[in-house]
Protein backbone atom coordinates (compact mmCIF):
# COMPACT_ATOMS: atom_id res chain seq x y z
CA MET A 1 -0.70 5.32 -0.21
CA LYS A 2 -3.42 3.40 1.55
CA ILE A 3 -6.65 4.64 2.55
CA LEU A 4 -9.66 3.38 5.17
CA CYS A 5 -13.07 3.82 4.48
CA THR A 6 -14.49 4.66 8.58
CA ALA A 7 -17.79 5.78 7.57
CA PRO A 8 -19.84 6.96 4.30
CA GLY A 9 -17.73 10.21 3.38
CA GLU A 10 -14.95 9.34 6.00
CA PHE A 11 -11.39 8.10 5.32
CA ALA A 12 -8.32 7.93 7.42
CA GLY A 13 -4.93 7.24 5.99
CA ALA A 14 -1.46 8.06 6.53
CA GLU A 15 -0.82 11.80 5.29
CA LEU A 16 -4.41 12.47 4.07
CA LYS A 17 -4.81 16.01 4.29
CA PRO A 18 -8.19 17.58 4.24
CA GLY A 19 -9.57 19.54 0.52
CA CYS A 20 -7.20 17.36 -1.33
CA TYR A 21 -8.67 15.06 -3.99
CA TYR A 22 -6.79 11.22 -3.79
CA ASN A 23 -7.30 8.58 -6.50
CA ALA A 24 -7.85 5.09 -5.05
CA GLU A 25 -8.00 1.59 -5.80
CA PRO A 26 -9.45 -1.61 -4.39
CA ALA A 27 -6.08 -3.09 -2.57
CA ALA A 28 -6.47 -6.71 -3.72
CA GLU A 29 -6.89 -5.47 -7.35
CA GLY A 30 -3.72 -4.32 -9.52
CA THR A 31 -2.66 -1.45 -9.42
CA ASN A 32 -2.34 1.42 -12.22
CA ALA A 33 1.25 2.00 -11.05
CA GLN A 34 2.07 -1.66 -11.55
CA ASN A 35 0.21 -1.86 -14.67
CA ASN A 36 2.55 1.63 -15.63
CA ALA A 37 5.94 -0.27 -14.47
CA PHE A 38 5.14 -3.31 -16.03
CA HIS A 39 4.65 -1.91 -19.77
CA ALA A 40 7.45 0.59 -18.92
CA LEU A 41 9.52 -2.38 -17.92
CA ALA A 42 8.52 -4.80 -20.89
CA LEU A 43 9.28 -1.76 -23.49
CA GLU A 44 12.44 -1.06 -21.92
CA TYR A 45 13.54 -4.97 -22.32
CA TRP A 46 12.54 -5.10 -25.83
CA VAL A 47 14.41 -1.97 -26.58
CA SER A 48 17.10 -3.03 -24.71
CA GLY A 49 17.81 -6.11 -26.84
CA CYS A 50 19.16 -8.30 -24.08
CA HIS A 51 16.45 -10.55 -24.68
CA SER A 52 16.19 -14.09 -25.93
CA TYR A 53 12.96 -14.04 -26.99
CA ARG A 54 12.19 -14.74 -30.27
CA ALA A 55 9.00 -12.57 -30.73
CA LYS A 56 7.85 -10.83 -34.41
CA ASN A 57 7.02 -7.37 -32.73
CA PHE A 58 6.80 -5.68 -29.14
CA LEU A 59 3.21 -7.10 -28.71
CA HIS A 60 4.48 -10.84 -29.78
CA PHE A 61 6.93 -9.66 -26.87
CA ARG A 62 4.92 -8.54 -24.12
CA GLU A 63 2.42 -11.90 -24.59
CA LEU A 64 5.74 -14.03 -24.14
CA ILE A 65 6.83 -12.11 -20.74
CA LYS A 66 3.21 -12.82 -19.45
CA LEU A 67 3.10 -16.62 -20.34
CA TYR A 68 6.89 -17.10 -19.16
CA LEU A 69 7.25 -14.65 -16.39
CA GLY A 70 4.14 -13.42 -15.68
CA ALA A 71 0.48 -15.89 -14.93
CA GLY A 72 0.86 -18.03 -17.68
CA ALA A 73 -2.21 -19.20 -19.48
CA GLU A 74 -5.61 -19.71 -18.72
CA ASN A 75 -8.26 -22.25 -20.06
CA TYR A 76 -11.53 -21.19 -21.27
CA TYR A 77 -14.16 -23.51 -23.42
CA SER A 78 -15.25 -22.91 -27.62
CA LEU A 79 -18.08 -23.82 -28.58
CA VAL A 80 -16.55 -23.58 -32.14
CA ASP A 81 -14.31 -26.06 -33.88
CA ASP A 82 -10.70 -24.23 -35.96
CA ASN A 83 -13.03 -23.78 -39.04
CA GLY A 84 -15.43 -22.11 -36.69
CA ARG A 85 -18.38 -24.44 -36.82
CA PRO A 86 -20.48 -25.26 -34.03
CA VAL A 87 -19.17 -28.51 -32.04
CA GLU A 88 -21.49 -30.89 -29.91
CA LYS A 89 -19.18 -30.76 -26.57
CA PRO A 90 -17.33 -27.65 -25.92
CA ILE A 91 -12.96 -27.55 -26.52
CA VAL A 92 -11.14 -26.65 -24.12
CA ARG A 93 -8.71 -23.99 -25.31
CA TYR A 94 -6.10 -21.80 -23.53
CA ARG A 95 -4.66 -18.36 -24.11
CA VAL A 96 -2.33 -15.87 -21.84
CA LYS A 97 -3.72 -14.64 -19.47
CA SER A 98 -5.06 -10.76 -20.06
CA TRP A 99 -2.82 -8.60 -17.29
CA ALA A 100 -6.19 -6.64 -16.83
CA ARG A 101 -7.24 -9.71 -15.23
CA TYR A 102 -4.03 -9.66 -13.09
CA THR A 103 -4.73 -10.27 -9.41
CA LYS A 104 -2.28 -7.55 -7.29
CA LYS A 105 -0.52 -10.50 -6.48
CA GLU A 106 0.18 -11.62 -9.78
CA ARG A 107 0.85 -8.67 -10.61
CA LYS A 108 3.79 -8.18 -8.25
CA GLU A 109 4.98 -11.36 -8.88
CA SER A 110 5.29 -11.02 -12.53
CA ILE A 111 7.14 -7.50 -11.99
CA ASP A 112 9.61 -9.09 -9.73
CA ARG A 113 9.83 -11.94 -12.29
CA LEU A 114 10.50 -9.67 -15.26
CA ILE A 115 13.03 -7.23 -13.63
CA ALA A 116 15.29 -10.32 -12.06
CA GLU A 117 15.26 -11.66 -15.77
CA MET A 118 16.44 -8.52 -16.64
CA HIS A 119 19.02 -8.23 -14.01
CA GLN A 120 20.33 -11.56 -15.29
CA ALA A 121 19.84 -10.56 -18.79
CA GLY A 122 22.08 -8.12 -18.25
CA VAL A 123 19.86 -5.12 -19.28
CA GLN A 124 21.82 -2.02 -18.46
CA THR A 125 20.39 0.83 -19.26
CA LYS A 126 19.59 4.73 -18.27
CA LYS A 127 15.90 4.27 -18.24
CA PHE A 128 15.75 0.45 -16.50
CA TYR A 129 17.24 1.89 -13.72
CA GLU A 130 15.60 5.29 -13.80
CA ILE A 131 12.44 2.93 -13.79
CA LEU A 132 13.74 0.86 -10.88
CA ARG A 133 14.70 4.43 -8.98
CA GLY A 134 10.76 5.41 -9.43
CA MET A 135 9.63 2.40 -8.03
CA GLU A 136 11.64 2.68 -5.11
CA ASP A 137 10.78 5.91 -4.59
CA SER A 138 7.38 5.52 -4.84
CA CYS A 139 7.69 3.01 -1.68
CA SER A 140 8.83 5.79 0.34
CA GLY A 141 6.11 8.30 -0.85
CA THR A 142 8.24 9.87 -2.97
CA GLY A 143 8.55 8.62 -6.34
CA LYS A 144 6.15 8.82 -9.57
CA LEU A 145 5.25 5.21 -9.77
CA ALA A 146 3.05 4.65 -6.33
CA MET A 147 3.87 0.43 -6.45
CA GLU A 148 2.10 -0.22 -3.08
CA ALA A 149 3.08 -3.32 -4.47
CA ALA A 150 4.54 -4.86 -1.16
CA THR A 151 0.90 -4.72 0.59
């Protein structure tokens, strides 16, 4: 559900009921529903065993998913070398972009790519289809996962 703040303490939106509390999230930032969907899908992909990633564990697998299907890597500047000694000129380093720093659009695109790859890899578990149904239902306003990713 989207709401619009029309004035201090005043809101408008589809199906808002007086006296009810609503969780509101900034429209441009990633949503909690996207967070839940991504992590549920990644875990189900890992558990299914249908992937071809050479991950040591689930945390490593999730980093590989973010690297290859997500927003990839971001650079940062280090003031120390590999041994922890200070350097005169900053060194450019790279790390997988944190899911917490993804925009709403980046999350939507990453989830779409993850779902597409899961289909291509042959994931056909009951849980996978439950997650997808929950995401579809949420777009019509009846599901548990309020994806709102299309907006």
